[in-house]
């Protein structure tokens, strides 16, 4: 297959969870949502055939670094965008990519854009969260149910560990949904684009035990707080936080889990 055909109709590698976005109207909506500025340092995760890459480069951003795991695509993308001085291709796994190091190299915070592979979207969000101090915002395509989870409020059936772990560090907006027909090949599920804006400061001082408490609370989702946290937080410590031991974890605000974690510090 020629380089041009490889990029225009890239073959799917199932192990990478690839679904290539090709709908021009959806691509335009993503660029409009990102609203790229001339001085921006964009990082695109999974450029695929480069359809979104081209639109972002044409907006005149200062730099666009693309992270592509597929060796075949990574081999031909640089030639397609050779005319753009700010384009750099990094062949590798986004789950292992050093986003903080790239921000240092580029001299400022990054703006992340990507159609995240559904099979790694949650660990990839946590990996990006590790570099939150180096990121301004993220515009990401996710499976619709994941987008619902990260934006859910307490008491919502979608509310859970992912929602709570993101809450101190980012504000989340669900922007719009995308049907399967916008991709090649079409996935079996709907997708949604979300904007995650990194807070300048965490919304509360996060305890080192915050993640442990949240994980324990949701390891048995339907249990009460008393039962879910047995062996981790005592009944007296739960009550000391002003919380009802009979409440279910999915009804509590993120700050409540942090209060419980502070009991363990």
C-alpha atoms as a PDB file:
ATOM      1  CA  UNK A   1       0.000   0.000   0.000  1.00  0.00           C
ATOM      2  CA  UNK A   2       1.351   3.460  -0.872  1.00  0.00           C
ATOM      3  CA  UNK A   3       1.987   6.004   1.892  1.00  0.00           C
ATOM      4  CA  UNK A   4      -0.904   8.184   0.708  1.00  0.00           C
ATOM      5  CA  UNK A   5      -3.397   5.303   0.707  1.00  0.00           C
ATOM      6  CA  UNK A   6      -2.164   4.116   4.100  1.00  0.00           C
ATOM      7  CA  UNK A   7      -3.040   7.486   5.610  1.00  0.00           C
ATOM      8  CA  UNK A   8      -6.253   8.061   3.661  1.00  0.00           C
ATOM      9  CA  UNK A   9      -7.685   4.651   4.585  1.00  0.00           C
ATOM     10  CA  UNK A  10      -5.479   3.338   7.406  1.00  0.00           C
ATOM     11  CA  UNK A  11      -5.937  -0.376   8.146  1.00  0.00           C
ATOM     12  CA  UNK A  12      -7.203  -1.104  11.621  1.00  0.00           C
ATOM     13  CA  UNK A  13      -5.000  -2.917  14.146  1.00  0.00           C
ATOM     14  CA  UNK A  14      -7.436  -4.532  16.559  1.00  0.00           C
ATOM     15  CA  UNK A  15      -4.885  -4.761  19.363  1.00  0.00           C
ATOM     16  CA  UNK A  16      -4.667  -0.943  19.370  1.00  0.00           C
ATOM     17  CA  UNK A  17      -8.448  -0.461  19.512  1.00  0.00           C
ATOM     18  CA  UNK A  18      -8.326   1.756  16.436  1.00  0.00           C
ATOM     19  CA  UNK A  19     -11.410   3.499  15.032  1.00  0.00           C
ATOM     20  CA  UNK A  20     -10.394   6.324  12.702  1.00  0.00           C
ATOM     21  CA  UNK A  21     -12.487   9.490  12.771  1.00  0.00           C
ATOM     22  CA  UNK A  22     -13.295  10.656   9.243  1.00  0.00           C
ATOM     23  CA  UNK A  23     -16.503  12.731   9.423  1.00  0.00           C
ATOM     24  CA  UNK A  24     -15.580  16.316   8.366  1.00  0.00           C
ATOM     25  CA  UNK A  25     -18.342  17.908  10.435  1.00  0.00           C
ATOM     26  CA  UNK A  26     -17.211  16.131  13.608  1.00  0.00           C
ATOM     27  CA  UNK A  27     -13.584  17.042  12.939  1.00  0.00           C
ATOM     28  CA  UNK A  28     -14.593  20.689  12.519  1.00  0.00           C
ATOM     29  CA  UNK A  29     -16.573  20.596  15.769  1.00  0.00           C
ATOM     30  CA  UNK A  30     -13.564  19.250  17.647  1.00  0.00           C
ATOM     31  CA  UNK A  31     -11.287  21.965  16.287  1.00  0.00           C
ATOM     32  CA  UNK A  32     -13.892  24.583  17.147  1.00  0.00           C
ATOM     33  CA  UNK A  33     -14.112  23.212  20.706  1.00  0.00           C
ATOM     34  CA  UNK A  34     -10.323  23.223  21.092  1.00  0.00           C
ATOM     35  CA  UNK A  35     -10.161  26.753  19.643  1.00  0.00           C
ATOM     36  CA  UNK A  36      -6.395  26.523  18.986  1.00  0.00           C
ATOM     37  CA  UNK A  37      -4.348  29.688  19.482  1.00  0.00           C
ATOM     38  CA  UNK A  38      -1.093  30.639  17.694  1.00  0.00           C
ATOM     39  CA  UNK A  39       1.096  30.061  20.750  1.00  0.00           C
ATOM     40  CA  UNK A  40      -0.424  26.727  21.757  1.00  0.00           C
ATOM     41  CA  UNK A  41       1.603  23.569  22.288  1.00  0.00           C
ATOM     42  CA  UNK A  42      -0.741  20.819  21.131  1.00  0.00           C
ATOM     43  CA  UNK A  43      -0.234  17.117  21.788  1.00  0.00           C
ATOM     44  CA  UNK A  44      -2.396  14.800  19.719  1.00  0.00           C
ATOM     45  CA  UNK A  45      -2.768  11.254  20.996  1.00  0.00           C
ATOM     46  CA  UNK A  46      -3.335   8.767  18.172  1.00  0.00           C
ATOM     47  CA  UNK A  47      -3.299  10.910  15.014  1.00  0.00           C
ATOM     48  CA  UNK A  48      -4.154   7.892  12.843  1.00  0.00           C
ATOM     49  CA  UNK A  49      -4.299   9.089   9.260  1.00  0.00           C
ATOM     50  CA  UNK A  50      -3.834  12.717  10.283  1.00  0.00           C
ATOM     51  CA  UNK A  51      -7.298  14.115   9.472  1.00  0.00           C
ATOM     52  CA  UNK A  52      -7.524  16.095  12.719  1.00  0.00           C
ATOM     53  CA  UNK A  53      -3.777  16.744  12.694  1.00  0.00           C
ATOM     54  CA  UNK A  54      -4.020  18.727   9.470  1.00  0.00           C
ATOM     55  CA  UNK A  55      -6.815  20.934  10.741  1.00  0.00           C
ATOM     56  CA  UNK A  56      -4.918  21.673  13.945  1.00  0.00           C
ATOM     57  CA  UNK A  57      -1.721  22.492  12.046  1.00  0.00           C
ATOM     58  CA  UNK A  58      -3.600  24.755   9.663  1.00  0.00           C
ATOM     59  CA  UNK A  59      -4.787  26.777  12.649  1.00  0.00           C
ATOM     60  CA  UNK A  60      -1.209  28.028  13.076  1.00  0.00           C
ATOM     61  CA  UNK A  61      -0.325  26.515  16.465  1.00  0.00           C
ATOM     62  CA  UNK A  62       3.267  26.922  17.631  1.00  0.00           C
ATOM     63  CA  UNK A  63       3.901  23.200  17.958  1.00  0.00           C
ATOM     64  CA  UNK A  64       2.025  19.963  17.443  1.00  0.00           C
ATOM     65  CA  UNK A  65       3.508  16.778  18.846  1.00  0.00           C
ATOM     66  CA  UNK A  66       1.692  13.609  17.795  1.00  0.00           C
ATOM     67  CA  UNK A  67       2.021  10.333  19.711  1.00  0.00           C
ATOM     68  CA  UNK A  68       1.288   7.291  17.544  1.00  0.00           C
ATOM     69  CA  UNK A  69       1.766   3.667  18.620  1.00  0.00           C
ATOM     70  CA  UNK A  70       1.229   2.163  15.145  1.00  0.00           C
ATOM     71  CA  UNK A  71       4.681   1.864  13.551  1.00  0.00           C
ATOM     72  CA  UNK A  72       3.353   1.849   9.986  1.00  0.00           C
ATOM     73  CA  UNK A  73       1.407   5.083  10.455  1.00  0.00           C
ATOM     74  CA  UNK A  74       4.228   6.676  12.432  1.00  0.00           C
ATOM     75  CA  UNK A  75       6.623   5.948   9.548  1.00  0.00           C
ATOM     76  CA  UNK A  76       4.622   7.921   6.982  1.00  0.00           C
ATOM     77  CA  UNK A  77       3.014  10.765   8.953  1.00  0.00           C
ATOM     78  CA  UNK A  78       6.166  12.964   9.065  1.00  0.00           C
ATOM     79  CA  UNK A  79       6.311  13.098   5.260  1.00  0.00           C
ATOM     80  CA  UNK A  80       2.657  14.125   5.011  1.00  0.00           C
ATOM     81  CA  UNK A  81       3.206  17.068   7.363  1.00  0.00           C
ATOM     82  CA  UNK A  82       6.782  17.967   6.405  1.00  0.00           C
ATOM     83  CA  UNK A  83       5.647  21.431   5.298  1.00  0.00           C
ATOM     84  CA  UNK A  84       4.683  22.317   8.871  1.00  0.00           C
ATOM     85  CA  UNK A  85       7.734  23.270  10.931  1.00  0.00           C
ATOM     86  CA  UNK A  86       5.968  22.735  14.224  1.00  0.00           C
ATOM     87  CA  UNK A  87       5.037  19.097  13.621  1.00  0.00           C
ATOM     88  CA  UNK A  88       6.877  16.335  15.495  1.00  0.00           C
ATOM     89  CA  UNK A  89       5.945  12.660  15.481  1.00  0.00           C
ATOM     90  CA  UNK A  90       6.684  10.435  18.490  1.00  0.00           C
ATOM     91  CA  UNK A  91       6.317   6.725  17.823  1.00  0.00           C
ATOM     92  CA  UNK A  92       5.333   4.985  21.018  1.00  0.00           C
ATOM     93  CA  UNK A  93       2.685   4.161  23.577  1.00  0.00           C
ATOM     94  CA  UNK A  94       0.833   7.146  25.083  1.00  0.00           C
ATOM     95  CA  UNK A  95       0.555   5.172  28.341  1.00  0.00           C
ATOM     96  CA  UNK A  96       4.328   5.396  28.672  1.00  0.00           C
ATOM     97  CA  UNK A  97       4.856   8.834  27.137  1.00  0.00           C
ATOM     98  CA  UNK A  98       6.538  11.545  29.254  1.00  0.00           C
ATOM     99  CA  UNK A  99       4.077  14.428  28.925  1.00  0.00           C
ATOM    100  CA  UNK A 100       5.782  16.448  31.672  1.00  0.00           C
ATOM    101  CA  UNK A 101       9.126  16.095  29.909  1.00  0.00           C
ATOM    102  CA  UNK A 102       7.614  17.277  26.639  1.00  0.00           C
ATOM    103  CA  UNK A 103       6.119  20.331  28.376  1.00  0.00           C
ATOM    104  CA  UNK A 104       9.576  21.220  29.678  1.00  0.00           C
ATOM    105  CA  UNK A 105      11.067  20.788  26.212  1.00  0.00           C
ATOM    106  CA  UNK A 106       8.378  22.970  24.621  1.00  0.00           C
ATOM    107  CA  UNK A 107       8.663  25.657  27.291  1.00  0.00           C
ATOM    108  CA  UNK A 108       5.101  25.660  28.594  1.00  0.00           C
ATOM    109  CA  UNK A 109       1.916  23.781  29.327  1.00  0.00           C
ATOM    110  CA  UNK A 110       0.431  21.390  26.805  1.00  0.00           C
ATOM    111  CA  UNK A 111      -3.056  21.171  25.334  1.00  0.00           C
ATOM    112  CA  UNK A 112      -3.956  17.511  24.800  1.00  0.00           C
ATOM    113  CA  UNK A 113      -6.268  16.399  21.989  1.00  0.00           C
ATOM    114  CA  UNK A 114      -7.102  12.826  21.110  1.00  0.00           C
ATOM    115  CA  UNK A 115      -9.471  10.091  20.064  1.00  0.00           C
ATOM    116  CA  UNK A 116      -8.522   7.823  22.957  1.00  0.00           C
ATOM    117  CA  UNK A 117      -8.595   4.063  22.340  1.00  0.00           C
ATOM    118  CA  UNK A 118     -11.562   2.837  24.344  1.00  0.00           C
ATOM    119  CA  UNK A 119      -9.683  -0.146  25.759  1.00  0.00           C
ATOM    120  CA  UNK A 120      -7.125   2.088  27.529  1.00  0.00           C
ATOM    121  CA  UNK A 121      -9.046   5.334  28.054  1.00  0.00           C
ATOM    122  CA  UNK A 122      -9.265   5.082  31.851  1.00  0.00           C
ATOM    123  CA  UNK A 123      -5.581   4.226  32.530  1.00  0.00           C
ATOM    124  CA  UNK A 124      -4.587   6.859  29.967  1.00  0.00           C
ATOM    125  CA  UNK A 125      -6.625   9.512  31.784  1.00  0.00           C
ATOM    126  CA  UNK A 126      -4.871   8.561  35.028  1.00  0.00           C
ATOM    127  CA  UNK A 127      -1.501   8.753  33.278  1.00  0.00           C
ATOM    128  CA  UNK A 128      -2.339  12.232  31.996  1.00  0.00           C
ATOM    129  CA  UNK A 129      -3.450  13.165  35.497  1.00  0.00           C
ATOM    130  CA  UNK A 130       0.057  12.360  36.746  1.00  0.00           C
ATOM    131  CA  UNK A 131       1.275  15.165  34.476  1.00  0.00           C
ATOM    132  CA  UNK A 132      -1.573  17.565  35.307  1.00  0.00           C
ATOM    133  CA  UNK A 133       0.813  20.357  36.335  1.00  0.00           C
ATOM    134  CA  UNK A 134       2.161  20.336  32.764  1.00  0.00           C
ATOM    135  CA  UNK A 135      -1.227  20.336  31.009  1.00  0.00           C
ATOM    136  CA  UNK A 136      -3.637  23.208  30.395  1.00  0.00           C
ATOM    137  CA  UNK A 137      -6.600  21.208  29.130  1.00  0.00           C
ATOM    138  CA  UNK A 138      -7.635  18.037  27.314  1.00  0.00           C
ATOM    139  CA  UNK A 139     -10.195  17.574  24.562  1.00  0.00           C
ATOM    140  CA  UNK A 140     -10.753  13.858  24.252  1.00  0.00           C
ATOM    141  CA  UNK A 141     -13.050  11.459  22.435  1.00  0.00           C
ATOM    142  CA  UNK A 142     -14.267   8.736  24.772  1.00  0.00           C
ATOM    143  CA  UNK A 143     -16.839   5.997  24.808  1.00  0.00           C
ATOM    144  CA  UNK A 144     -20.100   7.728  25.727  1.00  0.00           C
ATOM    145  CA  UNK A 145     -20.441   5.836  29.003  1.00  0.00           C
ATOM    146  CA  UNK A 146     -16.951   6.887  30.106  1.00  0.00           C
ATOM    147  CA  UNK A 147     -17.727  10.516  29.283  1.00  0.00           C
ATOM    148  CA  UNK A 148     -20.882  10.191  31.385  1.00  0.00           C
ATOM    149  CA  UNK A 149     -18.857   8.797  34.287  1.00  0.00           C
ATOM    150  CA  UNK A 150     -16.236  11.517  34.390  1.00  0.00           C
ATOM    151  CA  UNK A 151     -18.898  14.244  34.349  1.00  0.00           C
ATOM    152  CA  UNK A 152     -21.394  12.585  36.738  1.00  0.00           C
ATOM    153  CA  UNK A 153     -22.645  14.159  39.956  1.00  0.00           C
ATOM    154  CA  UNK A 154     -23.029  12.325  43.294  1.00  0.00           C
ATOM    155  CA  UNK A 155     -26.117  10.133  43.296  1.00  0.00           C
ATOM    156  CA  UNK A 156     -26.000   9.578  39.537  1.00  0.00           C
ATOM    157  CA  UNK A 157     -25.744   5.923  38.506  1.00  0.00           C
ATOM    158  CA  UNK A 158     -22.628   6.765  36.453  1.00  0.00           C
ATOM    159  CA  UNK A 159     -20.834   8.367  39.430  1.00  0.00           C
ATOM    160  CA  UNK A 160     -17.882   6.383  40.757  1.00  0.00           C
ATOM    161  CA  UNK A 161     -14.153   6.007  41.257  1.00  0.00           C
ATOM    162  CA  UNK A 162     -13.110   7.656  37.986  1.00  0.00           C
ATOM    163  CA  UNK A 163     -15.347  10.667  38.638  1.00  0.00           C
ATOM    164  CA  UNK A 164     -13.974  11.162  42.129  1.00  0.00           C
ATOM    165  CA  UNK A 165     -10.294  10.664  41.259  1.00  0.00           C
ATOM    166  CA  UNK A 166     -10.477  13.299  38.522  1.00  0.00           C
ATOM    167  CA  UNK A 167     -12.519  15.804  40.530  1.00  0.00           C
ATOM    168  CA  UNK A 168      -9.746  17.551  42.536  1.00  0.00           C
ATOM    169  CA  UNK A 169      -7.614  18.145  39.463  1.00  0.00           C
ATOM    170  CA  UNK A 170      -9.926  18.931  36.547  1.00  0.00           C
ATOM    171  CA  UNK A 171     -13.320  20.357  35.712  1.00  0.00           C
ATOM    172  CA  UNK A 172     -15.215  18.314  33.147  1.00  0.00           C
ATOM    173  CA  UNK A 173     -17.641  19.325  30.398  1.00  0.00           C
ATOM    174  CA  UNK A 174     -19.375  16.887  28.082  1.00  0.00           C
ATOM    175  CA  UNK A 175     -19.451  18.725  24.769  1.00  0.00           C
ATOM    176  CA  UNK A 176     -21.249  16.549  22.207  1.00  0.00           C
ATOM    177  CA  UNK A 177     -21.947  12.974  21.210  1.00  0.00           C
ATOM    178  CA  UNK A 178     -20.636  11.220  18.103  1.00  0.00           C
ATOM    179  CA  UNK A 179     -22.347   8.312  16.379  1.00  0.00           C
ATOM    180  CA  UNK A 180     -20.572   5.171  15.138  1.00  0.00           C
ATOM    181  CA  UNK A 181     -20.843   6.259  11.497  1.00  0.00           C
ATOM    182  CA  UNK A 182     -18.291   9.029  12.043  1.00  0.00           C
ATOM    183  CA  UNK A 183     -15.548   6.391  12.327  1.00  0.00           C
ATOM    184  CA  UNK A 184     -13.941   3.883  10.016  1.00  0.00           C
ATOM    185  CA  UNK A 185     -14.560   1.101  10.919  1.00  0.00           C
ATOM    186  CA  UNK A 186     -17.613   2.089  12.971  1.00  0.00           C
ATOM    187  CA  UNK A 187     -17.456   1.015  16.625  1.00  0.00           C
ATOM    188  CA  UNK A 188     -20.376  -0.784  18.252  1.00  0.00           C
ATOM    189  CA  UNK A 189     -20.889   2.055  20.733  1.00  0.00           C
ATOM    190  CA  UNK A 190     -21.549   5.783  20.716  1.00  0.00           C
ATOM    191  CA  UNK A 191     -18.782   8.206  21.603  1.00  0.00           C
ATOM    192  CA  UNK A 192     -18.633  11.645  23.180  1.00  0.00           C
ATOM    193  CA  UNK A 193     -16.174  14.524  23.208  1.00  0.00           C
ATOM    194  CA  UNK A 194     -15.308  15.961  26.622  1.00  0.00           C
ATOM    195  CA  UNK A 195     -13.247  18.927  27.762  1.00  0.00           C
ATOM    196  CA  UNK A 196     -11.139  18.483  30.902  1.00  0.00           C
ATOM    197  CA  UNK A 197      -9.721  21.775  32.135  1.00  0.00           C
ATOM    198  CA  UNK A 198      -6.890  21.405  34.630  1.00  0.00           C
ATOM    199  CA  UNK A 199      -7.419  23.474  37.758  1.00  0.00           C
ATOM    200  CA  UNK A 200      -4.650  25.920  38.648  1.00  0.00           C
ATOM    201  CA  UNK A 201      -4.839  24.496  42.173  1.00  0.00           C
ATOM    202  CA  UNK A 202      -6.588  21.298  43.305  1.00  0.00           C
ATOM    203  CA  UNK A 203     -10.118  21.968  44.541  1.00  0.00           C
ATOM    204  CA  UNK A 204      -9.023  20.628  47.932  1.00  0.00           C
ATOM    205  CA  UNK A 205      -5.728  19.572  49.549  1.00  0.00           C
ATOM    206  CA  UNK A 206      -5.575  15.928  48.508  1.00  0.00           C
ATOM    207  CA  UNK A 207      -4.568  13.405  51.167  1.00  0.00           C
ATOM    208  CA  UNK A 208      -1.902  10.829  50.205  1.00  0.00           C
ATOM    209  CA  UNK A 209      -4.492   8.173  51.196  1.00  0.00           C
ATOM    210  CA  UNK A 210      -7.283   9.637  49.001  1.00  0.00           C
ATOM    211  CA  UNK A 211      -6.856   7.088  46.199  1.00  0.00           C
ATOM    212  CA  UNK A 212      -6.749   4.184  48.676  1.00  0.00           C
ATOM    213  CA  UNK A 213     -10.007   5.217  50.324  1.00  0.00           C
ATOM    214  CA  UNK A 214     -11.787   5.777  47.015  1.00  0.00           C
ATOM    215  CA  UNK A 215     -10.622   2.413  45.661  1.00  0.00           C
ATOM    216  CA  UNK A 216     -11.763   0.614  48.810  1.00  0.00           C
ATOM    217  CA  UNK A 217     -15.135   2.355  48.818  1.00  0.00           C
ATOM    218  CA  UNK A 218     -15.917   1.294  45.257  1.00  0.00           C
ATOM    219  CA  UNK A 219     -14.481  -2.206  45.385  1.00  0.00           C
ATOM    220  CA  UNK A 220     -17.980  -3.300  46.456  1.00  0.00           C
ATOM    221  CA  UNK A 221     -20.174  -0.622  44.922  1.00  0.00           C
ATOM    222  CA  UNK A 222     -23.518  -1.608  46.458  1.00  0.00           C
ATOM    223  CA  UNK A 223     -22.226  -1.883  50.009  1.00  0.00           C
ATOM    224  CA  UNK A 224     -22.730   0.815  52.599  1.00  0.00           C
ATOM    225  CA  UNK A 225     -19.826   3.021  53.620  1.00  0.00           C
ATOM    226  CA  UNK A 226     -19.502   1.066  56.874  1.00  0.00           C
ATOM    227  CA  UNK A 227     -19.098  -2.256  55.074  1.00  0.00           C
ATOM    228  CA  UNK A 228     -17.112  -1.067  52.057  1.00  0.00           C
ATOM    229  CA  UNK A 229     -14.457   0.589  54.231  1.00  0.00           C
ATOM    230  CA  UNK A 230     -14.269  -2.112  56.899  1.00  0.00           C
ATOM    231  CA  UNK A 231     -10.617  -2.629  57.792  1.00  0.00           C
ATOM    232  CA  UNK A 232      -9.641   0.681  56.175  1.00  0.00           C
ATOM    233  CA  UNK A 233     -11.587   3.384  58.035  1.00  0.00           C
ATOM    234  CA  UNK A 234     -13.243   2.736  61.395  1.00  0.00           C
ATOM    235  CA  UNK A 235     -16.852   3.449  62.240  1.00  0.00           C
ATOM    236  CA  UNK A 236     -15.702   6.169  64.643  1.00  0.00           C
ATOM    237  CA  UNK A 237     -13.598   7.822  61.915  1.00  0.00           C
ATOM    238  CA  UNK A 238     -16.539   7.803  59.508  1.00  0.00           C
ATOM    239  CA  UNK A 239     -18.733   9.472  62.111  1.00  0.00           C
ATOM    240  CA  UNK A 240     -15.966  11.961  62.969  1.00  0.00           C
ATOM    241  CA  UNK A 241     -16.271  13.236  59.392  1.00  0.00           C
ATOM    242  CA  UNK A 242     -19.977  13.881  59.891  1.00  0.00           C
ATOM    243  CA  UNK A 243     -20.894  11.052  57.507  1.00  0.00           C
ATOM    244  CA  UNK A 244     -23.595   8.430  57.799  1.00  0.00           C
ATOM    245  CA  UNK A 245     -21.982   4.960  57.957  1.00  0.00           C
ATOM    246  CA  UNK A 246     -25.122   3.590  56.281  1.00  0.00           C
ATOM    247  CA  UNK A 247     -24.723   5.829  53.216  1.00  0.00           C
ATOM    248  CA  UNK A 248     -23.641   4.336  49.920  1.00  0.00           C
ATOM    249  CA  UNK A 249     -20.320   5.579  48.458  1.00  0.00           C
ATOM    250  CA  UNK A 250     -21.924   6.796  45.218  1.00  0.00           C
ATOM    251  CA  UNK A 251     -23.878   9.436  47.161  1.00  0.00           C
ATOM    252  CA  UNK A 252     -20.811  11.179  48.623  1.00  0.00           C
ATOM    253  CA  UNK A 253     -18.994  14.198  47.206  1.00  0.00           C
ATOM    254  CA  UNK A 254     -15.259  13.835  46.437  1.00  0.00           C
ATOM    255  CA  UNK A 255     -14.379  16.004  49.457  1.00  0.00           C
ATOM    256  CA  UNK A 256     -16.027  13.453  51.755  1.00  0.00           C
ATOM    257  CA  UNK A 257     -13.614  10.740  50.623  1.00  0.00           C
ATOM    258  CA  UNK A 258     -10.736  13.115  51.213  1.00  0.00           C
ATOM    259  CA  UNK A 259     -12.005  13.829  54.724  1.00  0.00           C
ATOM    260  CA  UNK A 260     -12.014  10.083  55.386  1.00  0.00           C
ATOM    261  CA  UNK A 261      -8.485   9.790  53.990  1.00  0.00           C
ATOM    262  CA  UNK A 262      -7.277  12.586  56.262  1.00  0.00           C
ATOM    263  CA  UNK A 263      -8.334  10.457  59.218  1.00  0.00           C
ATOM    264  CA  UNK A 264      -5.615   8.011  58.177  1.00  0.00           C
ATOM    265  CA  UNK A 265      -2.754  10.497  57.707  1.00  0.00           C
END
